Amino acid sequence: MKYWMAYFGNLLKDNESFFRKQYRLAMLTRNLDKMSEEKLNNHLKTADKFLRDIQ
């Protein structure tokens, strides 16, 4: 589960401009805005590690 949340957060951050343009998808980026910086950075580090491990 932690990898899914981390990967999804990474996907949102990488494509943030696209998601913010879409009315319904913008809610997902607003949730990232509300997330603490520490938690978001932890998710991004976990996603990066996961992506490196599967390559």
N, C-alpha and C. Protein backbone atom coordinates (compact mmCIF):
# COMPACT_ATOMS: atom_id res chain seq x y z
N MET A 1 0.83 -1.20 0.00
CA MET A 1 0.00 0.00 0.00
C MET A 1 0.87 1.26 0.00
N LYS A 2 1.98 1.22 0.78
CA LYS A 2 2.80 2.42 0.85
C LYS A 2 3.41 2.75 -0.51
N TYR A 3 3.74 1.70 -1.28
CA TYR A 3 4.30 1.96 -2.61
C TYR A 3 3.26 2.57 -3.54
N TRP A 4 2.02 2.12 -3.42
CA TRP A 4 0.96 2.66 -4.26
C TRP A 4 0.76 4.15 -3.97
N MET A 5 0.66 4.49 -2.69
CA MET A 5 0.47 5.90 -2.31
C MET A 5 1.65 6.75 -2.76
N ALA A 6 2.84 6.20 -2.59
CA ALA A 6 4.04 6.94 -2.99
C ALA A 6 4.09 7.12 -4.50
N TYR A 7 3.80 6.06 -5.23
CA TYR A 7 3.83 6.14 -6.69
C TYR A 7 2.76 7.09 -7.22
N PHE A 8 1.57 7.02 -6.63
CA PHE A 8 0.48 7.89 -7.05
C PHE A 8 0.82 9.36 -6.77
N GLY A 9 1.40 9.63 -5.60
CA GLY A 9 1.81 10.99 -5.29
C GLY A 9 2.87 11.48 -6.26
N ASN A 10 3.78 10.61 -6.63
CA ASN A 10 4.82 10.95 -7.59
C ASN A 10 4.21 11.24 -8.96
N LEU A 11 3.26 10.43 -9.37
CA LEU A 11 2.56 10.64 -10.64
C LEU A 11 1.86 12.00 -10.65
N LEU A 12 1.20 12.33 -9.56
CA LEU A 12 0.52 13.62 -9.47
C LEU A 12 1.50 14.78 -9.54
N LYS A 13 2.61 14.67 -8.83
CA LYS A 13 3.59 15.75 -8.83
C LYS A 13 4.22 15.92 -10.21
N ASP A 14 4.52 14.82 -10.87
CA ASP A 14 5.14 14.88 -12.19
C ASP A 14 4.22 15.47 -13.25
N ASN A 15 2.91 15.29 -13.08
CA ASN A 15 1.93 15.76 -14.06
C ASN A 15 0.97 16.79 -13.45
N GLU A 16 1.47 17.55 -12.51
CA GLU A 16 0.63 18.47 -11.75
C GLU A 16 -0.10 19.48 -12.62
N SER A 17 0.55 20.02 -13.62
CA SER A 17 -0.11 21.03 -14.45
C SER A 17 -1.30 20.44 -15.20
N PHE A 18 -1.18 19.21 -15.67
CA PHE A 18 -2.30 18.56 -16.35
C PHE A 18 -3.47 18.34 -15.39
N PHE A 19 -3.18 17.83 -14.20
CA PHE A 19 -4.24 17.55 -13.24
C PHE A 19 -4.93 18.82 -12.76
N ARG A 20 -4.19 19.89 -12.62
CA ARG A 20 -4.80 21.15 -12.17
C ARG A 20 -5.73 21.76 -13.21
N LYS A 21 -5.53 21.46 -14.47
CA LYS A 21 -6.39 21.98 -15.53
C LYS A 21 -7.74 21.28 -15.59
N GLN A 22 -7.80 20.06 -15.12
CA GLN A 22 -9.02 19.25 -15.17
C GLN A 22 -9.81 19.45 -13.88
N TYR A 23 -11.05 19.87 -14.00
CA TYR A 23 -11.85 20.22 -12.82
C TYR A 23 -11.91 19.08 -11.80
N ARG A 24 -12.27 17.91 -12.24
CA ARG A 24 -12.43 16.79 -11.30
C ARG A 24 -11.09 16.25 -10.79
N LEU A 25 -10.08 16.30 -11.61
CA LEU A 25 -8.77 15.79 -11.20
C LEU A 25 -8.02 16.78 -10.32
N ALA A 26 -8.39 18.03 -10.36
CA ALA A 26 -7.71 19.04 -9.56
C ALA A 26 -7.84 18.76 -8.07
N MET A 27 -8.90 18.07 -7.68
CA MET A 27 -9.08 17.71 -6.27
C MET A 27 -7.88 16.90 -5.77
N LEU A 28 -7.32 16.06 -6.62
CA LEU A 28 -6.19 15.23 -6.22
C LEU A 28 -4.97 16.10 -5.91
N THR A 29 -4.74 17.11 -6.71
CA THR A 29 -3.59 17.98 -6.45
C THR A 29 -3.83 18.87 -5.23
N ARG A 30 -5.09 19.23 -4.98
CA ARG A 30 -5.38 20.01 -3.78
C ARG A 30 -5.08 19.18 -2.53
N ASN A 31 -5.31 17.88 -2.61
CA ASN A 31 -4.96 17.02 -1.47
C ASN A 31 -3.44 17.01 -1.25
N LEU A 32 -2.68 17.05 -2.32
CA LEU A 32 -1.22 17.15 -2.18
C LEU A 32 -0.84 18.47 -1.52
N ASP A 33 -1.54 19.54 -1.86
CA ASP A 33 -1.26 20.85 -1.27
C ASP A 33 -1.48 20.83 0.25
N LYS A 34 -2.44 20.07 0.69
CA LYS A 34 -2.78 20.00 2.12
C LYS A 34 -1.82 19.09 2.88
N MET A 35 -1.13 18.22 2.18
CA MET A 35 -0.24 17.26 2.82
C MET A 35 1.00 17.98 3.37
N SER A 36 1.47 17.54 4.51
CA SER A 36 2.67 18.16 5.07
C SER A 36 3.86 17.92 4.15
N GLU A 37 4.78 18.86 4.18
CA GLU A 37 5.98 18.77 3.33
C GLU A 37 6.77 17.50 3.64
N GLU A 38 6.86 17.16 4.91
CA GLU A 38 7.61 15.97 5.32
C GLU A 38 6.98 14.70 4.76
N LYS A 39 5.67 14.59 4.87
CA LYS A 39 4.96 13.41 4.37
C LYS A 39 5.07 13.31 2.85
N LEU A 40 4.92 14.41 2.16
CA LEU A 40 5.02 14.42 0.71
C LEU A 40 6.43 14.01 0.27
N ASN A 41 7.45 14.58 0.90
CA ASN A 41 8.82 14.21 0.56
C ASN A 41 9.09 12.74 0.83
N ASN A 42 8.53 12.21 1.90
CA ASN A 42 8.69 10.79 2.21
C ASN A 42 8.05 9.94 1.11
N HIS A 43 6.86 10.32 0.66
CA HIS A 43 6.20 9.60 -0.43
C HIS A 43 7.03 9.64 -1.71
N LEU A 44 7.58 10.81 -2.02
CA LEU A 44 8.36 10.95 -3.25
C LEU A 44 9.65 10.13 -3.18
N LYS A 45 10.29 10.08 -2.02
CA LYS A 45 11.50 9.26 -1.86
C LYS A 45 11.17 7.77 -1.99
N THR A 46 10.05 7.35 -1.40
CA THR A 46 9.63 5.96 -1.49
C THR A 46 9.33 5.59 -2.93
N ALA A 47 8.66 6.47 -3.66
CA ALA A 47 8.34 6.21 -5.06
C ALA A 47 9.61 6.12 -5.90
N ASP A 48 10.55 7.00 -5.64
CA ASP A 48 11.81 6.98 -6.37
C ASP A 48 12.54 5.66 -6.14
N LYS A 49 12.58 5.22 -4.89
CA LYS A 49 13.23 3.95 -4.56
C LYS A 49 12.51 2.79 -5.25
N PHE A 50 11.19 2.80 -5.22
CA PHE A 50 10.40 1.75 -5.86
C PHE A 50 10.68 1.69 -7.37
N LEU A 51 10.70 2.84 -8.00
CA LEU A 51 10.94 2.88 -9.45
C LEU A 51 12.35 2.42 -9.80
N ARG A 52 13.32 2.75 -8.97
CA ARG A 52 14.70 2.27 -9.21
C ARG A 52 14.79 0.76 -9.03
N ASP A 53 14.07 0.23 -8.03
CA ASP A 53 14.12 -1.21 -7.76
C ASP A 53 13.49 -2.06 -8.85
N ILE A 54 12.49 -1.53 -9.53
CA ILE A 54 11.82 -2.36 -10.57
C ILE A 54 12.51 -2.28 -11.91
N GLN A 55 13.48 -1.41 -12.06
CA GLN A 55 14.19 -1.30 -13.34
C GLN A 55 15.31 -2.29 -13.44
